[in-house]
Amino acid sequence: MVKRIFGICLLSLLLLSVLNSPAVASSRKKAALEQKIIEISALQVKIIDKIDQAIEMHIFLQKRLNELQDEIKIEKNRFRIKGHEAPLENLRINYDLNLIQHLRAYIAQLDERIAYFEAGNERLKFYLCQIKDEIAIINTLKDMEIENLVDRIDTVLDEFIPETQKPIFDALNIRLMPIEQVWNEIIPKPIETTIFSGS
């Protein structure tokens, strides 16, 4: 009985020493970092998909916006609209201006989302390079350095994973440009000139 207890204790000590050996510790560090590579790669696929969707939507909306601006110019010439108040009385122009107002807000929000996801993707690329470097020198790294890296990566993952599950933009929270400003950008005001009479 004493021999059996002694044998179990000896086996437990042997297992603990093997599990705490530098080779096993290095293997665990490497496995943790390799898991982060998998998580980062999966997130990058989602982020790139979001960027592609946003760019595709941006192109479509910009094309429609250009068509509406051309239509406004045609209507302005057709009805010989001179002033900057009269366009709002033309139903077609008024409708187009309102639509352009919304399209510009959507495009601005899409641009923000594209920039946000591109910045996140760059951060993930940086961490992938850092992981690869650290795996190459894993035997010389301290546990604390790996834990700090894993914590920084987890922070980025926690930020971007939920973002990839949201719609590309929120149509309820858009900032609309004043309609007069939309009109003035499409049809700039003529430059007023004054004639000075000689004395």
Protein backbone atom coordinates (compact mmCIF):
# COMPACT_ATOMS: atom_id res chain seq x y z
CA MET A 1 0.00 0.00 0.00
CA VAL A 2 2.79 2.43 0.92
CA LYS A 3 4.66 1.44 -2.25
CA ARG A 4 1.54 2.13 -4.33
CA ILE A 5 1.05 5.60 -2.77
CA PHE A 6 4.76 6.31 -3.22
CA GLY A 7 4.50 5.15 -6.87
CA ILE A 8 1.47 7.38 -7.53
CA CYS A 9 3.23 10.37 -5.97
CA LEU A 10 6.38 9.66 -7.99
CA LEU A 11 4.33 9.34 -11.20
CA SER A 12 2.49 12.61 -10.40
CA LEU A 13 5.79 14.43 -9.84
CA LEU A 14 7.16 13.01 -13.07
CA LEU A 15 4.06 14.16 -15.02
CA LEU A 16 4.24 17.63 -13.47
CA SER A 17 7.89 17.97 -14.36
CA VAL A 18 7.19 16.86 -17.94
CA LEU A 19 4.19 19.23 -18.28
CA ASN A 20 6.23 22.12 -16.85
CA SER A 21 9.30 21.36 -18.93
CA PRO A 22 10.45 24.13 -21.31
CA ALA A 23 9.62 21.95 -24.34
CA VAL A 24 5.99 21.42 -23.25
CA ALA A 25 5.66 25.10 -22.22
CA SER A 26 7.02 26.17 -25.60
CA SER A 27 4.62 23.79 -27.32
CA ARG A 28 1.67 25.31 -25.42
CA LYS A 29 2.83 28.84 -26.29
CA LYS A 30 3.14 27.87 -29.93
CA ALA A 31 -0.30 26.22 -29.92
CA ALA A 32 -1.87 29.35 -28.38
CA LEU A 33 -0.28 31.56 -31.02
CA GLU A 34 -1.26 29.20 -33.84
CA GLN A 35 -4.86 29.32 -32.58
CA LYS A 36 -4.70 33.13 -32.81
CA ILE A 37 -3.50 32.83 -36.43
CA ILE A 38 -6.62 30.77 -37.21
CA GLU A 39 -8.90 33.28 -35.44
CA ILE A 40 -7.26 36.28 -37.16
CA SER A 41 -7.43 34.62 -40.58
CA ALA A 42 -11.15 33.85 -40.13
CA LEU A 43 -11.83 37.44 -39.07
CA GLN A 44 -9.83 38.82 -42.01
CA VAL A 45 -12.05 36.87 -44.43
CA LYS A 46 -15.15 38.47 -42.85
CA ILE A 47 -13.59 41.95 -42.87
CA ILE A 48 -12.54 41.70 -46.53
CA ASP A 49 -16.07 40.54 -47.38
CA LYS A 50 -17.51 43.60 -45.58
CA ILE A 51 -15.09 45.90 -47.43
CA ASP A 52 -16.06 44.34 -50.78
CA GLN A 53 -19.78 44.73 -50.00
CA ALA A 54 -19.30 48.36 -48.97
CA ILE A 55 -17.25 49.19 -52.09
CA GLU A 56 -19.83 47.53 -54.34
CA MET A 57 -22.64 49.48 -52.66
CA HIS A 58 -20.58 52.70 -52.85
CA ILE A 59 -20.09 52.27 -56.62
CA PHE A 60 -23.81 51.64 -57.15
CA LEU A 61 -24.90 54.64 -55.05
CA GLN A 62 -22.32 56.95 -56.66
CA LYS A 63 -23.55 55.94 -60.13
CA ARG A 64 -27.15 56.71 -59.12
CA LEU A 65 -26.08 60.02 -57.58
CA ASN A 66 -24.32 61.04 -60.83
CA GLU A 67 -27.45 60.15 -62.82
CA LEU A 68 -29.60 62.32 -60.54
CA GLN A 69 -27.20 65.26 -60.82
CA ASP A 70 -27.32 65.01 -64.62
CA GLU A 71 -31.11 64.83 -64.48
CA ILE A 72 -31.25 67.99 -62.35
CA LYS A 73 -29.06 69.87 -64.85
CA ILE A 74 -31.29 68.74 -67.73
CA GLU A 75 -34.44 69.82 -65.85
CA LYS A 76 -32.85 73.16 -64.95
CA ASN A 77 -32.06 73.87 -68.61
CA ARG A 78 -35.40 72.52 -69.84
CA PHE A 79 -37.41 74.81 -67.57
CA ARG A 80 -34.85 77.66 -67.77
CA ILE A 81 -34.52 77.88 -64.01
CA LYS A 82 -32.35 80.86 -63.12
CA GLY A 83 -32.69 81.51 -59.38
CA HIS A 84 -31.74 79.28 -56.51
CA GLU A 85 -35.20 79.28 -54.92
CA ALA A 86 -37.17 78.21 -58.00
CA PRO A 87 -35.73 74.65 -58.23
CA LEU A 88 -37.58 73.61 -55.10
CA GLU A 89 -40.86 74.41 -56.86
CA ASN A 90 -40.06 71.88 -59.61
CA LEU A 91 -41.26 68.51 -58.30
CA ARG A 92 -38.71 66.44 -60.27
CA ILE A 93 -35.76 68.58 -59.13
CA ASN A 94 -37.03 68.71 -55.57
CA TYR A 95 -37.38 64.92 -55.47
CA ASP A 96 -33.91 64.42 -56.99
CA LEU A 97 -32.34 66.84 -54.50
CA ASN A 98 -33.90 64.96 -51.59
CA LEU A 99 -32.67 61.67 -52.99
CA ILE A 100 -29.16 63.05 -53.53
CA GLN A 101 -29.20 64.34 -49.97
CA HIS A 102 -29.77 60.79 -48.70
CA LEU A 103 -27.37 59.15 -51.16
CA ARG A 104 -24.54 61.45 -50.10
CA ALA A 105 -25.17 60.62 -46.46
CA TYR A 106 -25.16 56.89 -47.25
CA ILE A 107 -21.94 57.21 -49.25
CA ALA A 108 -20.26 59.17 -46.45
CA GLN A 109 -21.21 56.46 -43.95
CA LEU A 110 -19.99 53.73 -46.31
CA ASP A 111 -16.65 55.54 -46.67
CA GLU A 112 -16.33 55.64 -42.87
CA ARG A 113 -17.06 51.90 -42.62
CA ILE A 114 -14.59 51.06 -45.40
CA ALA A 115 -11.86 53.08 -43.66
CA TYR A 116 -12.72 51.44 -40.32
CA PHE A 117 -12.52 47.89 -41.71
CA GLU A 118 -9.34 48.63 -43.70
CA ALA A 119 -7.66 49.96 -40.54
CA GLY A 120 -8.77 46.83 -38.66
CA ASN A 121 -7.42 44.60 -41.40
CA GLU A 122 -4.05 46.39 -41.24
CA ARG A 123 -3.93 45.84 -37.47
CA LEU A 124 -4.65 42.14 -37.98
CA LYS A 125 -1.92 41.88 -40.64
CA PHE A 126 0.51 43.45 -38.18
CA TYR A 127 -0.42 40.93 -35.49
CA LEU A 128 -0.07 38.02 -37.94
CA CYS A 129 3.48 39.15 -38.75
CA GLN A 130 4.23 39.56 -35.06
CA ILE A 131 2.90 36.06 -34.29
CA LYS A 132 5.01 34.52 -37.04
CA ASP A 133 8.10 36.30 -35.73
CA GLU A 134 7.39 35.21 -32.19
CA ILE A 135 6.75 31.59 -33.17
CA ALA A 136 10.16 31.62 -34.86
CA ILE A 137 11.83 32.67 -31.61
CA ILE A 138 9.38 31.08 -29.18
CA ASN A 139 12.01 29.40 -27.04
CA THR A 140 13.50 32.75 -26.07
CA LEU A 141 10.20 34.52 -25.36
CA LYS A 142 8.94 35.03 -21.88
CA ASP A 143 5.43 33.86 -21.00
CA MET A 144 4.47 37.46 -20.17
CA GLU A 145 5.32 38.68 -23.69
CA ILE A 146 3.10 36.03 -25.27
CA GLU A 147 0.26 36.75 -22.84
CA ASN A 148 0.47 40.47 -23.70
CA LEU A 149 0.39 39.70 -27.42
CA VAL A 150 -2.57 37.33 -27.03
CA ASP A 151 -4.40 39.97 -24.95
CA ARG A 152 -3.83 42.64 -27.64
CA ILE A 153 -5.05 40.25 -30.33
CA ASP A 154 -8.13 39.32 -28.27
CA THR A 155 -8.94 43.04 -27.91
CA VAL A 156 -8.92 43.46 -31.72
CA LEU A 157 -10.93 40.27 -32.22
CA ASP A 158 -13.49 41.37 -29.63
CA GLU A 159 -13.85 44.73 -31.39
CA PHE A 160 -14.14 43.55 -34.98
CA ILE A 161 -16.01 40.21 -34.77
CA PRO A 162 -19.28 41.91 -33.66
CA GLU A 163 -18.74 44.66 -36.28
CA THR A 164 -18.63 42.08 -39.09
CA GLN A 165 -22.07 40.87 -38.04
CA LYS A 166 -23.70 44.33 -38.27
CA PRO A 167 -25.14 45.89 -41.43
CA ILE A 168 -22.61 47.89 -43.42
CA PHE A 169 -24.29 51.14 -42.43
CA ASP A 170 -27.23 52.37 -40.38
CA ALA A 171 -29.74 54.32 -42.51
CA LEU A 172 -31.47 55.62 -39.37
CA ASN A 173 -28.41 57.53 -38.15
CA ILE A 174 -27.27 59.35 -41.25
CA ARG A 175 -26.24 63.00 -41.41
CA LEU A 176 -28.06 64.82 -44.19
CA MET A 177 -26.52 67.78 -45.98
CA PRO A 178 -28.92 70.77 -46.25
CA ILE A 179 -30.81 70.60 -49.54
CA GLU A 180 -29.72 74.13 -50.52
CA GLN A 181 -26.10 73.04 -50.20
CA VAL A 182 -26.78 70.01 -52.41
CA TRP A 183 -28.31 72.29 -55.05
CA ASN A 184 -25.42 74.80 -54.83
CA GLU A 185 -22.88 72.03 -55.33
CA ILE A 186 -24.68 70.67 -58.38
CA ILE A 187 -25.50 74.09 -59.87
CA PRO A 188 -22.95 76.61 -58.60
CA LYS A 189 -24.10 80.21 -58.21
CA PRO A 190 -22.97 82.49 -61.01
CA ILE A 191 -20.20 84.88 -60.12
CA GLU A 192 -21.61 88.35 -59.75
CA THR A 193 -19.60 91.06 -61.43
CA THR A 194 -19.84 94.73 -60.75
CA ILE A 195 -19.09 97.40 -63.32
CA PHE A 196 -17.20 100.37 -62.01
CA SER A 197 -17.95 103.62 -63.78
CA GLY A 198 -15.14 105.99 -64.29
CA SER A 199 -15.44 109.41 -62.69
